[in-house]
Amino acid sequence: MNGDCKSVISYQLSVISYQLEKARVFINLSSHIFHSLILSPVS
């Protein structure tokens, strides 16, 4: 039972860290696009 609980917790942690990594990549991409739009000359 204790082993099951540990595996469930480690699975949850891996899912959370995966979601955080995706969010971090998305934020980096968004900020890059945002800066490109700001820095590009407005026509």
C-alpha atoms as a PDB file:
ATOM      1  CA  MET A   1       0.000   0.000   0.000  1.00  0.00           C
ATOM      2  CA  ASN A   2       2.799   2.400   0.930  1.00  0.00           C
ATOM      3  CA  GLY A   3       4.612   1.582  -2.319  1.00  0.00           C
ATOM      4  CA  ASP A   4       1.452   2.331  -4.296  1.00  0.00           C
ATOM      5  CA  CYS A   5       1.087   5.679  -2.562  1.00  0.00           C
ATOM      6  CA  LYS A   6       4.698   6.584  -3.364  1.00  0.00           C
ATOM      7  CA  SER A   7       4.319   5.663  -7.029  1.00  0.00           C
ATOM      8  CA  VAL A   8       1.134   7.723  -7.304  1.00  0.00           C
ATOM      9  CA  ILE A   9       2.857  10.727  -5.718  1.00  0.00           C
ATOM     10  CA  SER A  10       5.900  10.432  -7.980  1.00  0.00           C
ATOM     11  CA  TYR A  11       3.597  10.136 -10.997  1.00  0.00           C
ATOM     12  CA  GLN A  12       1.734  13.287  -9.946  1.00  0.00           C
ATOM     13  CA  LEU A  13       5.041  15.122  -9.488  1.00  0.00           C
ATOM     14  CA  SER A  14       6.257  14.092 -12.934  1.00  0.00           C
ATOM     15  CA  VAL A  15       2.982  15.274 -14.488  1.00  0.00           C
ATOM     16  CA  ILE A  16       3.241  18.601 -12.646  1.00  0.00           C
ATOM     17  CA  SER A  17       6.855  19.133 -13.684  1.00  0.00           C
ATOM     18  CA  TYR A  18       5.931  18.307 -17.299  1.00  0.00           C
ATOM     19  CA  GLN A  19       3.111  20.869 -17.199  1.00  0.00           C
ATOM     20  CA  LEU A  20       5.461  23.467 -15.684  1.00  0.00           C
ATOM     21  CA  GLU A  21       8.020  22.826 -18.418  1.00  0.00           C
ATOM     22  CA  LYS A  22       5.362  23.291 -21.116  1.00  0.00           C
ATOM     23  CA  ALA A  23       4.173  26.484 -19.428  1.00  0.00           C
ATOM     24  CA  ARG A  24       7.752  27.800 -19.227  1.00  0.00           C
ATOM     25  CA  VAL A  25       8.348  27.134 -22.938  1.00  0.00           C
ATOM     26  CA  PHE A  26       5.031  28.799 -23.806  1.00  0.00           C
ATOM     27  CA  ILE A  27       5.865  31.871 -21.700  1.00  0.00           C
ATOM     28  CA  ASN A  28       9.331  32.159 -23.268  1.00  0.00           C
ATOM     29  CA  LEU A  29       7.819  31.903 -26.747  1.00  0.00           C
ATOM     30  CA  SER A  30       5.109  34.447 -25.946  1.00  0.00           C
ATOM     31  CA  SER A  31       7.580  36.938 -24.524  1.00  0.00           C
ATOM     32  CA  HIS A  32       9.845  36.466 -27.556  1.00  0.00           C
ATOM     33  CA  ILE A  33       6.928  37.161 -29.919  1.00  0.00           C
ATOM     34  CA  PHE A  34       5.845  40.104 -27.773  1.00  0.00           C
ATOM     35  CA  HIS A  35       9.330  41.644 -27.893  1.00  0.00           C
ATOM     36  CA  SER A  36       9.527  41.054 -31.637  1.00  0.00           C
ATOM     37  CA  LEU A  37       6.235  42.904 -32.099  1.00  0.00           C
ATOM     38  CA  ILE A  38       7.330  45.765 -29.842  1.00  0.00           C
ATOM     39  CA  LEU A  39      10.765  46.108 -31.432  1.00  0.00           C
ATOM     40  CA  SER A  40       9.616  45.757 -35.030  1.00  0.00           C
ATOM     41  CA  PRO A  41       9.011  49.064 -36.831  1.00  0.00           C
ATOM     42  CA  VAL A  42       5.343  49.971 -36.956  1.00  0.00           C
ATOM     43  CA  SER A  43       4.274  50.489 -40.542  1.00  0.00           C
END
